């Protein structure tokens, strides 16, 4: 049976990958974003989530059954010097949408969170959903704050709630900075890659992230609120450089050792595999190959 899905962040990196999967599954998709529609043929609402009453009216008029909230400030590098704006956008406006959904006939609300809610960590065993939240950026704090609200409401409101903690999502078309983009760009330009120190790190390719989101939204057997979404592999900076390098032109990494070392991982994705069949297909080698191929099609 088809559903009506409101997809926020529809013009963003992850949203652009989610929308066609929803449509292919027969669902009616309504995109919502402050930016214009990436696909003019798709129903799209230009909105910033600032007016709860307007959102409630939209949900009712369109008979929305599912909300996938993939919008908002998309990483710690965005508005890093304006924590008040990060909190307004990622917390205040998310709560507008959440409260409008609770008051409507929406059945399921999927929140696209981030491992940044947990903060820096590294240990021998993969962490689960109950790992302490110790965010180290305003962005991470905003994700942790919304997760706390969802935790307080989980199974206490008629709305089916789910939070997906994504690790770094990469792939062609990402607009915000990531170390994979930096290294791939350096490889394509034949220059050094200047990066900050980091442990080996879990990543997830955008197609796998989108597939997980759709599967979670329509799963009826979820047993918990929070799930990790990542490819089950820890990748070192040198491995990224090796995957991005041309045959005759290796990428030289220049690591700024004056910067603190970022730490993440590993993550336990067993619950996502168990409850909604999350089975990521794209490892870092294939993902970077696709990025290099896409850059070639764009002419660099």
C-alpha atoms as a PDB file:
ATOM      1  CA  UNK A   1       0.000   0.000   0.000  1.00  0.00           C
ATOM      2  CA  UNK A   2       1.419   3.390  -0.960  1.00  0.00           C
ATOM      3  CA  UNK A   3       1.960   6.127   1.594  1.00  0.00           C
ATOM      4  CA  UNK A   4       2.392   9.883   1.500  1.00  0.00           C
ATOM      5  CA  UNK A   5       5.867  10.901   2.664  1.00  0.00           C
ATOM      6  CA  UNK A   6       6.981  14.390   3.637  1.00  0.00           C
ATOM      7  CA  UNK A   7      10.734  14.484   3.032  1.00  0.00           C
ATOM      8  CA  UNK A   8      12.528  17.472   4.535  1.00  0.00           C
ATOM      9  CA  UNK A   9      15.943  18.367   3.175  1.00  0.00           C
ATOM     10  CA  UNK A  10      14.690  17.199  -0.209  1.00  0.00           C
ATOM     11  CA  UNK A  11      17.181  19.439  -2.024  1.00  0.00           C
ATOM     12  CA  UNK A  12      20.085  18.245   0.125  1.00  0.00           C
ATOM     13  CA  UNK A  13      22.667  15.522  -0.378  1.00  0.00           C
ATOM     14  CA  UNK A  14      20.835  12.705   1.412  1.00  0.00           C
ATOM     15  CA  UNK A  15      17.347  13.913   0.474  1.00  0.00           C
ATOM     16  CA  UNK A  16      18.146  13.793  -3.239  1.00  0.00           C
ATOM     17  CA  UNK A  17      19.065  10.121  -2.842  1.00  0.00           C
ATOM     18  CA  UNK A  18      16.029   9.222  -0.713  1.00  0.00           C
ATOM     19  CA  UNK A  19      13.329  10.764  -2.919  1.00  0.00           C
ATOM     20  CA  UNK A  20      13.714   8.516  -5.989  1.00  0.00           C
ATOM     21  CA  UNK A  21      13.763   5.407  -3.812  1.00  0.00           C
ATOM     22  CA  UNK A  22      10.488   6.411  -2.220  1.00  0.00           C
ATOM     23  CA  UNK A  23       8.941   7.102  -5.606  1.00  0.00           C
ATOM     24  CA  UNK A  24      10.218   3.799  -7.014  1.00  0.00           C
ATOM     25  CA  UNK A  25       8.483   2.006  -4.141  1.00  0.00           C
ATOM     26  CA  UNK A  26       5.193   3.619  -5.127  1.00  0.00           C
ATOM     27  CA  UNK A  27       4.967   6.244  -2.401  1.00  0.00           C
ATOM     28  CA  UNK A  28       3.863   9.811  -3.039  1.00  0.00           C
ATOM     29  CA  UNK A  29       6.698  12.144  -2.092  1.00  0.00           C
ATOM     30  CA  UNK A  30       6.340  15.750  -0.987  1.00  0.00           C
ATOM     31  CA  UNK A  31       9.711  17.444  -0.766  1.00  0.00           C
ATOM     32  CA  UNK A  32      10.246  20.302   1.667  1.00  0.00           C
ATOM     33  CA  UNK A  33      13.318  22.488   1.733  1.00  0.00           C
ATOM     34  CA  UNK A  34      14.240  26.196   1.886  1.00  0.00           C
ATOM     35  CA  UNK A  35      15.869  25.643  -1.504  1.00  0.00           C
ATOM     36  CA  UNK A  36      14.051  25.013  -4.802  1.00  0.00           C
ATOM     37  CA  UNK A  37      13.185  21.501  -5.940  1.00  0.00           C
ATOM     38  CA  UNK A  38      16.009  19.411  -7.411  1.00  0.00           C
ATOM     39  CA  UNK A  39      13.379  17.707  -9.608  1.00  0.00           C
ATOM     40  CA  UNK A  40      10.729  20.122 -10.954  1.00  0.00           C
ATOM     41  CA  UNK A  41       8.386  17.186 -11.595  1.00  0.00           C
ATOM     42  CA  UNK A  42       8.183  16.377  -7.881  1.00  0.00           C
ATOM     43  CA  UNK A  43       5.744  18.048  -5.488  1.00  0.00           C
ATOM     44  CA  UNK A  44       7.921  20.458  -3.529  1.00  0.00           C
ATOM     45  CA  UNK A  45       7.244  22.979  -0.776  1.00  0.00           C
ATOM     46  CA  UNK A  46       9.689  25.800  -0.096  1.00  0.00           C
ATOM     47  CA  UNK A  47       9.652  26.116   3.693  1.00  0.00           C
ATOM     48  CA  UNK A  48      12.066  26.506   6.609  1.00  0.00           C
ATOM     49  CA  UNK A  49       9.979  24.736   9.295  1.00  0.00           C
ATOM     50  CA  UNK A  50       9.607  28.023  11.138  1.00  0.00           C
ATOM     51  CA  UNK A  51       5.791  28.002  11.430  1.00  0.00           C
ATOM     52  CA  UNK A  52       4.221  25.057  13.279  1.00  0.00           C
ATOM     53  CA  UNK A  53       0.657  25.939  12.267  1.00  0.00           C
ATOM     54  CA  UNK A  54       1.661  26.075   8.593  1.00  0.00           C
ATOM     55  CA  UNK A  55       3.311  22.666   8.921  1.00  0.00           C
ATOM     56  CA  UNK A  56       0.234  21.176  10.590  1.00  0.00           C
ATOM     57  CA  UNK A  57      -1.933  22.497   7.779  1.00  0.00           C
ATOM     58  CA  UNK A  58       0.414  20.987   5.181  1.00  0.00           C
ATOM     59  CA  UNK A  59       0.408  17.571   6.860  1.00  0.00           C
ATOM     60  CA  UNK A  60      -3.385  17.594   7.020  1.00  0.00           C
ATOM     61  CA  UNK A  61      -3.979  18.877   3.500  1.00  0.00           C
ATOM     62  CA  UNK A  62      -1.597  16.342   1.937  1.00  0.00           C
ATOM     63  CA  UNK A  63      -2.710  13.496   4.231  1.00  0.00           C
ATOM     64  CA  UNK A  64       0.901  12.745   5.095  1.00  0.00           C
ATOM     65  CA  UNK A  65       1.475   9.327   6.665  1.00  0.00           C
ATOM     66  CA  UNK A  66       5.268   9.363   7.071  1.00  0.00           C
ATOM     67  CA  UNK A  67       7.779  12.121   7.805  1.00  0.00           C
ATOM     68  CA  UNK A  68      11.471  11.654   7.018  1.00  0.00           C
ATOM     69  CA  UNK A  69      13.324  14.592   8.531  1.00  0.00           C
ATOM     70  CA  UNK A  70      16.603  14.850   6.640  1.00  0.00           C
ATOM     71  CA  UNK A  71      16.765  18.649   6.655  1.00  0.00           C
ATOM     72  CA  UNK A  72      18.630  21.161   8.790  1.00  0.00           C
ATOM     73  CA  UNK A  73      22.245  22.106   9.406  1.00  0.00           C
ATOM     74  CA  UNK A  74      24.144  19.203   7.898  1.00  0.00           C
ATOM     75  CA  UNK A  75      27.406  18.978   9.796  1.00  0.00           C
ATOM     76  CA  UNK A  76      29.746  20.525  12.368  1.00  0.00           C
ATOM     77  CA  UNK A  77      31.488  22.521   9.647  1.00  0.00           C
ATOM     78  CA  UNK A  78      28.280  24.461   8.875  1.00  0.00           C
ATOM     79  CA  UNK A  79      27.556  27.592  10.981  1.00  0.00           C
ATOM     80  CA  UNK A  80      30.304  26.532  13.385  1.00  0.00           C
ATOM     81  CA  UNK A  81      30.580  30.118  14.630  1.00  0.00           C
ATOM     82  CA  UNK A  82      26.814  30.527  15.168  1.00  0.00           C
ATOM     83  CA  UNK A  83      25.660  27.945  17.726  1.00  0.00           C
ATOM     84  CA  UNK A  84      22.416  29.820  18.343  1.00  0.00           C
ATOM     85  CA  UNK A  85      21.431  29.395  14.687  1.00  0.00           C
ATOM     86  CA  UNK A  86      22.370  25.717  14.738  1.00  0.00           C
ATOM     87  CA  UNK A  87      20.097  25.195  17.756  1.00  0.00           C
ATOM     88  CA  UNK A  88      17.274  27.223  16.223  1.00  0.00           C
ATOM     89  CA  UNK A  89      17.355  25.284  12.961  1.00  0.00           C
ATOM     90  CA  UNK A  90      18.195  21.791  14.199  1.00  0.00           C
ATOM     91  CA  UNK A  91      16.290  21.805  17.485  1.00  0.00           C
ATOM     92  CA  UNK A  92      13.606  24.499  17.479  1.00  0.00           C
ATOM     93  CA  UNK A  93      12.377  23.881  13.949  1.00  0.00           C
ATOM     94  CA  UNK A  94      12.616  20.121  14.295  1.00  0.00           C
ATOM     95  CA  UNK A  95      10.323  20.401  17.315  1.00  0.00           C
ATOM     96  CA  UNK A  96       7.881  22.438  15.222  1.00  0.00           C
ATOM     97  CA  UNK A  97       7.728  19.588  12.734  1.00  0.00           C
ATOM     98  CA  UNK A  98       7.569  16.908  15.417  1.00  0.00           C
ATOM     99  CA  UNK A  99       4.718  18.573  17.299  1.00  0.00           C
ATOM    100  CA  UNK A 100       2.795  19.146  14.083  1.00  0.00           C
ATOM    101  CA  UNK A 101       3.231  15.456  13.256  1.00  0.00           C
ATOM    102  CA  UNK A 102       2.038  14.351  16.711  1.00  0.00           C
ATOM    103  CA  UNK A 103      -1.082  16.485  16.319  1.00  0.00           C
ATOM    104  CA  UNK A 104      -1.843  15.063  12.862  1.00  0.00           C
ATOM    105  CA  UNK A 105      -2.495  11.650  11.329  1.00  0.00           C
ATOM    106  CA  UNK A 106       1.176  11.004  10.634  1.00  0.00           C
ATOM    107  CA  UNK A 107       2.059   7.412  11.532  1.00  0.00           C
ATOM    108  CA  UNK A 108       5.872   7.400  11.442  1.00  0.00           C
ATOM    109  CA  UNK A 109       8.524  10.064  12.080  1.00  0.00           C
ATOM    110  CA  UNK A 110      12.110   9.206  11.101  1.00  0.00           C
ATOM    111  CA  UNK A 111      14.770  11.594  12.343  1.00  0.00           C
ATOM    112  CA  UNK A 112      18.104  11.688  10.524  1.00  0.00           C
ATOM    113  CA  UNK A 113      20.540  12.103  13.409  1.00  0.00           C
ATOM    114  CA  UNK A 114      24.314  11.750  13.477  1.00  0.00           C
ATOM    115  CA  UNK A 115      27.072   9.941  15.317  1.00  0.00           C
ATOM    116  CA  UNK A 116      28.168  13.484  16.214  1.00  0.00           C
ATOM    117  CA  UNK A 117      25.546  13.240  18.973  1.00  0.00           C
ATOM    118  CA  UNK A 118      27.899  10.774  20.667  1.00  0.00           C
ATOM    119  CA  UNK A 119      31.051  12.857  20.165  1.00  0.00           C
ATOM    120  CA  UNK A 120      34.618  11.591  19.849  1.00  0.00           C
ATOM    121  CA  UNK A 121      35.183   7.997  20.898  1.00  0.00           C
ATOM    122  CA  UNK A 122      37.268   4.994  19.975  1.00  0.00           C
ATOM    123  CA  UNK A 123      37.303   1.590  21.619  1.00  0.00           C
ATOM    124  CA  UNK A 124      37.839  -2.066  20.817  1.00  0.00           C
ATOM    125  CA  UNK A 125      34.182  -3.097  20.638  1.00  0.00           C
ATOM    126  CA  UNK A 126      31.501  -1.472  18.442  1.00  0.00           C
ATOM    127  CA  UNK A 127      29.267   0.878  20.428  1.00  0.00           C
ATOM    128  CA  UNK A 128      25.507   0.388  20.714  1.00  0.00           C
ATOM    129  CA  UNK A 129      22.580   2.785  21.027  1.00  0.00           C
ATOM    130  CA  UNK A 130      23.031   3.188  24.792  1.00  0.00           C
ATOM    131  CA  UNK A 131      26.555   4.648  24.529  1.00  0.00           C
ATOM    132  CA  UNK A 132      26.745   7.984  26.444  1.00  0.00           C
ATOM    133  CA  UNK A 133      26.086  11.157  24.462  1.00  0.00           C
ATOM    134  CA  UNK A 134      29.027  13.559  24.800  1.00  0.00           C
ATOM    135  CA  UNK A 135      28.866  15.837  21.735  1.00  0.00           C
ATOM    136  CA  UNK A 136      31.860  18.030  20.991  1.00  0.00           C
ATOM    137  CA  UNK A 137      30.256  20.606  18.663  1.00  0.00           C
ATOM    138  CA  UNK A 138      27.067  22.680  18.535  1.00  0.00           C
ATOM    139  CA  UNK A 139      25.935  20.476  15.659  1.00  0.00           C
ATOM    140  CA  UNK A 140      26.457  17.318  17.705  1.00  0.00           C
ATOM    141  CA  UNK A 141      24.717  18.961  20.641  1.00  0.00           C
ATOM    142  CA  UNK A 142      21.708  19.758  18.476  1.00  0.00           C
ATOM    143  CA  UNK A 143      21.429  16.139  17.354  1.00  0.00           C
ATOM    144  CA  UNK A 144      21.758  14.878  20.922  1.00  0.00           C
ATOM    145  CA  UNK A 145      19.103  17.343  22.114  1.00  0.00           C
ATOM    146  CA  UNK A 146      16.515  16.142  19.593  1.00  0.00           C
ATOM    147  CA  UNK A 147      17.346  12.525  20.373  1.00  0.00           C
ATOM    148  CA  UNK A 148      16.673  13.239  24.055  1.00  0.00           C
ATOM    149  CA  UNK A 149      13.257  14.654  23.178  1.00  0.00           C
ATOM    150  CA  UNK A 150      12.481  11.610  21.057  1.00  0.00           C
ATOM    151  CA  UNK A 151      13.616   9.335  23.891  1.00  0.00           C
ATOM    152  CA  UNK A 152      11.273  11.126  26.287  1.00  0.00           C
ATOM    153  CA  UNK A 153       8.343  10.689  23.880  1.00  0.00           C
ATOM    154  CA  UNK A 154       9.118   7.193  22.571  1.00  0.00           C
ATOM    155  CA  UNK A 155       6.163   4.845  23.094  1.00  0.00           C
ATOM    156  CA  UNK A 156       4.321   7.590  24.966  1.00  0.00           C
ATOM    157  CA  UNK A 157       2.767   9.234  21.903  1.00  0.00           C
ATOM    158  CA  UNK A 158       0.863   7.585  19.045  1.00  0.00           C
ATOM    159  CA  UNK A 159       3.608   8.571  16.606  1.00  0.00           C
ATOM    160  CA  UNK A 160       6.072   5.817  15.667  1.00  0.00           C
ATOM    161  CA  UNK A 161       9.499   7.367  16.282  1.00  0.00           C
ATOM    162  CA  UNK A 162      12.904   6.361  14.902  1.00  0.00           C
ATOM    163  CA  UNK A 163      16.325   8.048  14.977  1.00  0.00           C
ATOM    164  CA  UNK A 164      19.078   7.035  12.569  1.00  0.00           C
ATOM    165  CA  UNK A 165      22.610   7.924  13.656  1.00  0.00           C
ATOM    166  CA  UNK A 166      24.547   8.277  10.418  1.00  0.00           C
ATOM    167  CA  UNK A 167      28.293   8.276  10.330  1.00  0.00           C
ATOM    168  CA  UNK A 168      29.919  10.495   7.664  1.00  0.00           C
ATOM    169  CA  UNK A 169      27.923  10.146   4.443  1.00  0.00           C
ATOM    170  CA  UNK A 170      29.966  10.529   1.267  1.00  0.00           C
ATOM    171  CA  UNK A 171      29.515  10.231  -2.467  1.00  0.00           C
ATOM    172  CA  UNK A 172      29.136  12.363  -5.608  1.00  0.00           C
ATOM    173  CA  UNK A 173      27.284  15.620  -5.099  1.00  0.00           C
ATOM    174  CA  UNK A 174      28.070  16.329  -1.473  1.00  0.00           C
ATOM    175  CA  UNK A 175      28.341  20.095  -0.974  1.00  0.00           C
ATOM    176  CA  UNK A 176      29.823  20.362   2.520  1.00  0.00           C
ATOM    177  CA  UNK A 177      33.451  19.557   3.327  1.00  0.00           C
ATOM    178  CA  UNK A 178      34.548  16.010   4.181  1.00  0.00           C
ATOM    179  CA  UNK A 179      37.962  14.411   4.300  1.00  0.00           C
ATOM    180  CA  UNK A 180      37.052  11.980   1.519  1.00  0.00           C
ATOM    181  CA  UNK A 181      36.090  14.882  -0.765  1.00  0.00           C
ATOM    182  CA  UNK A 182      39.326  16.671   0.121  1.00  0.00           C
ATOM    183  CA  UNK A 183      41.484  13.660  -0.712  1.00  0.00           C
ATOM    184  CA  UNK A 184      39.599  12.822  -3.925  1.00  0.00           C
ATOM    185  CA  UNK A 185      39.877  16.452  -5.067  1.00  0.00           C
ATOM    186  CA  UNK A 186      43.626  16.379  -4.380  1.00  0.00           C
ATOM    187  CA  UNK A 187      43.994  13.147  -6.336  1.00  0.00           C
ATOM    188  CA  UNK A 188      42.138  14.554  -9.322  1.00  0.00           C
ATOM    189  CA  UNK A 189      44.235  17.729  -9.237  1.00  0.00           C
ATOM    190  CA  UNK A 190      47.524  15.858  -8.757  1.00  0.00           C
ATOM    191  CA  UNK A 191      48.408  17.720  -5.566  1.00  0.00           C
ATOM    192  CA  UNK A 192      48.967  17.072  -1.875  1.00  0.00           C
ATOM    193  CA  UNK A 193      45.962  16.480   0.372  1.00  0.00           C
ATOM    194  CA  UNK A 194      46.036  18.608   3.513  1.00  0.00           C
ATOM    195  CA  UNK A 195      43.995  16.886   6.239  1.00  0.00           C
ATOM    196  CA  UNK A 196      43.525  16.859   9.986  1.00  0.00           C
ATOM    197  CA  UNK A 197      44.618  13.835  12.044  1.00  0.00           C
ATOM    198  CA  UNK A 198      42.002  11.145  12.620  1.00  0.00           C
ATOM    199  CA  UNK A 199      41.670   7.560  13.708  1.00  0.00           C
ATOM    200  CA  UNK A 200      40.493   5.047  11.175  1.00  0.00           C
ATOM    201  CA  UNK A 201      36.838   5.921  10.699  1.00  0.00           C
ATOM    202  CA  UNK A 202      33.517   4.399   9.611  1.00  0.00           C
ATOM    203  CA  UNK A 203      31.812   5.890   6.558  1.00  0.00           C
ATOM    204  CA  UNK A 204      28.628   5.176   4.617  1.00  0.00           C
ATOM    205  CA  UNK A 205      28.020   5.742   0.918  1.00  0.00           C
ATOM    206  CA  UNK A 206      25.024   7.933   0.153  1.00  0.00           C
ATOM    207  CA  UNK A 207      23.080   5.185  -1.669  1.00  0.00           C
ATOM    208  CA  UNK A 208      23.412   2.855   1.323  1.00  0.00           C
ATOM    209  CA  UNK A 209      22.355   5.668   3.667  1.00  0.00           C
ATOM    210  CA  UNK A 210      19.276   6.401   1.560  1.00  0.00           C
ATOM    211  CA  UNK A 211      18.324   2.730   1.370  1.00  0.00           C
ATOM    212  CA  UNK A 212      18.595   2.422   5.152  1.00  0.00           C
ATOM    213  CA  UNK A 213      16.369   5.461   5.647  1.00  0.00           C
ATOM    214  CA  UNK A 214      13.581   4.142   3.436  1.00  0.00           C
ATOM    215  CA  UNK A 215      13.788   0.677   4.981  1.00  0.00           C
ATOM    216  CA  UNK A 216      13.611   2.096   8.505  1.00  0.00           C
ATOM    217  CA  UNK A 217      10.644   4.312   7.650  1.00  0.00           C
ATOM    218  CA  UNK A 218       8.529   1.401   6.489  1.00  0.00           C
ATOM    219  CA  UNK A 219       9.696  -1.232   8.944  1.00  0.00           C
ATOM    220  CA  UNK A 220       6.992  -2.481  11.318  1.00  0.00           C
ATOM    221  CA  UNK A 221       9.310  -4.569  13.507  1.00  0.00           C
ATOM    222  CA  UNK A 222      11.715  -1.982  14.898  1.00  0.00           C
ATOM    223  CA  UNK A 223      12.602  -2.871  18.499  1.00  0.00           C
ATOM    224  CA  UNK A 224      14.450   0.261  19.544  1.00  0.00           C
ATOM    225  CA  UNK A 225      14.521   4.005  18.965  1.00  0.00           C
ATOM    226  CA  UNK A 226      18.088   4.607  17.761  1.00  0.00           C
ATOM    227  CA  UNK A 227      20.090   2.796  15.084  1.00  0.00           C
ATOM    228  CA  UNK A 228      23.588   3.288  13.680  1.00  0.00           C
ATOM    229  CA  UNK A 229      23.984   3.535   9.916  1.00  0.00           C
ATOM    230  CA  UNK A 230      27.511   2.845   8.628  1.00  0.00           C
ATOM    231  CA  UNK A 231      29.481   0.493   6.431  1.00  0.00           C
ATOM    232  CA  UNK A 232      31.022  -2.083   8.825  1.00  0.00           C
ATOM    233  CA  UNK A 233      34.625  -1.100   8.183  1.00  0.00           C
ATOM    234  CA  UNK A 234      37.111   1.274   9.772  1.00  0.00           C
ATOM    235  CA  UNK A 235      39.002   3.209   7.096  1.00  0.00           C
ATOM    236  CA  UNK A 236      42.323   4.996   7.629  1.00  0.00           C
ATOM    237  CA  UNK A 237      43.302   8.202   5.858  1.00  0.00           C
ATOM    238  CA  UNK A 238      46.008   6.287   3.982  1.00  0.00           C
ATOM    239  CA  UNK A 239      43.380   3.844   2.673  1.00  0.00           C
ATOM    240  CA  UNK A 240      41.278   6.717   1.343  1.00  0.00           C
ATOM    241  CA  UNK A 241      44.350   8.141  -0.378  1.00  0.00           C
ATOM    242  CA  UNK A 242      45.202   4.738  -1.884  1.00  0.00           C
ATOM    243  CA  UNK A 243      41.656   4.318  -3.228  1.00  0.00           C
ATOM    244  CA  UNK A 244      41.666   7.817  -4.744  1.00  0.00           C
ATOM    245  CA  UNK A 245      45.155   7.679  -6.255  1.00  0.00           C
ATOM    246  CA  UNK A 246      45.741   7.379  -9.950  1.00  0.00           C
ATOM    247  CA  UNK A 247      47.869   4.432 -11.058  1.00  0.00           C
ATOM    248  CA  UNK A 248      50.973   6.546 -11.590  1.00  0.00           C
ATOM    249  CA  UNK A 249      50.192   9.361  -9.152  1.00  0.00           C
ATOM    250  CA  UNK A 250      49.850   8.448  -5.471  1.00  0.00           C
ATOM    251  CA  UNK A 251      48.268  11.017  -3.177  1.00  0.00           C
ATOM    252  CA  UNK A 252      50.617  12.483  -0.582  1.00  0.00           C
ATOM    253  CA  UNK A 253      48.861  13.196   2.709  1.00  0.00           C
ATOM    254  CA  UNK A 254      49.970  16.249   4.703  1.00  0.00           C
ATOM    255  CA  UNK A 255      48.531  15.832   8.177  1.00  0.00           C
ATOM    256  CA  UNK A 256      48.265  18.910  10.392  1.00  0.00           C
ATOM    257  CA  UNK A 257      49.533  17.481  13.672  1.00  0.00           C
ATOM    258  CA  UNK A 258      48.787  20.750  15.481  1.00  0.00           C
ATOM    259  CA  UNK A 259      45.089  19.869  15.306  1.00  0.00           C
ATOM    260  CA  UNK A 260      43.390  17.477  17.766  1.00  0.00           C
ATOM    261  CA  UNK A 261      42.948  13.942  16.521  1.00  0.00           C
ATOM    262  CA  UNK A 262      39.331  13.171  15.607  1.00  0.00           C
ATOM    263  CA  UNK A 263      38.155   9.760  16.805  1.00  0.00           C
ATOM    264  CA  UNK A 264      35.171   7.683  15.778  1.00  0.00           C
ATOM    265  CA  UNK A 265      34.228   4.058  15.844  1.00  0.00           C
ATOM    266  CA  UNK A 266      33.602   1.300  15.475  1.00  0.00           C
ATOM    267  CA  UNK A 267      29.781   1.219  15.353  1.00  0.00           C
ATOM    268  CA  UNK A 268      27.373  -1.661  15.923  1.00  0.00           C
ATOM    269  CA  UNK A 269      24.940  -1.917  12.999  1.00  0.00           C
ATOM    270  CA  UNK A 270      23.553  -5.322  14.016  1.00  0.00           C
ATOM    271  CA  UNK A 271      20.243  -3.846  15.202  1.00  0.00           C
ATOM    272  CA  UNK A 272      19.666  -2.100  11.861  1.00  0.00           C
ATOM    273  CA  UNK A 273      20.461  -5.336  10.043  1.00  0.00           C
ATOM    274  CA  UNK A 274      18.123  -7.319  12.323  1.00  0.00           C
ATOM    275  CA  UNK A 275      15.157  -4.954  12.318  1.00  0.00           C
ATOM    276  CA  UNK A 276      15.024  -3.501   8.809  1.00  0.00           C
ATOM    277  CA  UNK A 277      17.512  -5.507   6.803  1.00  0.00           C
ATOM    278  CA  UNK A 278      20.235  -2.872   6.516  1.00  0.00           C
ATOM    279  CA  UNK A 279      22.957  -4.434   4.371  1.00  0.00           C
ATOM    280  CA  UNK A 280      25.346  -1.774   3.019  1.00  0.00           C
ATOM    281  CA  UNK A 281      26.782  -2.689  -0.376  1.00  0.00           C
ATOM    282  CA  UNK A 282      29.392  -0.028  -1.136  1.00  0.00           C
ATOM    283  CA  UNK A 283      32.789  -0.115   0.562  1.00  0.00           C
ATOM    284  CA  UNK A 284      35.174   2.842   0.458  1.00  0.00           C
ATOM    285  CA  UNK A 285      37.021   1.579  -2.624  1.00  0.00           C
ATOM    286  CA  UNK A 286      33.882   1.314  -4.723  1.00  0.00           C
ATOM    287  CA  UNK A 287      32.445   4.529  -3.300  1.00  0.00           C
ATOM    288  CA  UNK A 288      35.570   6.513  -4.123  1.00  0.00           C
ATOM    289  CA  UNK A 289      35.715   4.923  -7.576  1.00  0.00           C
ATOM    290  CA  UNK A 290      32.193   6.238  -8.191  1.00  0.00           C
ATOM    291  CA  UNK A 291      33.185   9.696  -6.961  1.00  0.00           C
ATOM    292  CA  UNK A 292      36.170   9.804  -9.325  1.00  0.00           C
ATOM    293  CA  UNK A 293      33.993   8.597 -12.224  1.00  0.00           C
ATOM    294  CA  UNK A 294      31.338  11.223 -11.474  1.00  0.00           C
ATOM    295  CA  UNK A 295      33.984  13.962 -11.358  1.00  0.00           C
ATOM    296  CA  UNK A 296      35.239  12.790 -14.743  1.00  0.00           C
ATOM    297  CA  UNK A 297      31.746  13.029 -16.221  1.00  0.00           C
ATOM    298  CA  UNK A 298      31.473  16.583 -14.892  1.00  0.00           C
ATOM    299  CA  UNK A 299      34.826  17.418 -16.430  1.00  0.00           C
ATOM    300  CA  UNK A 300      36.833  17.556 -13.171  1.00  0.00           C
END
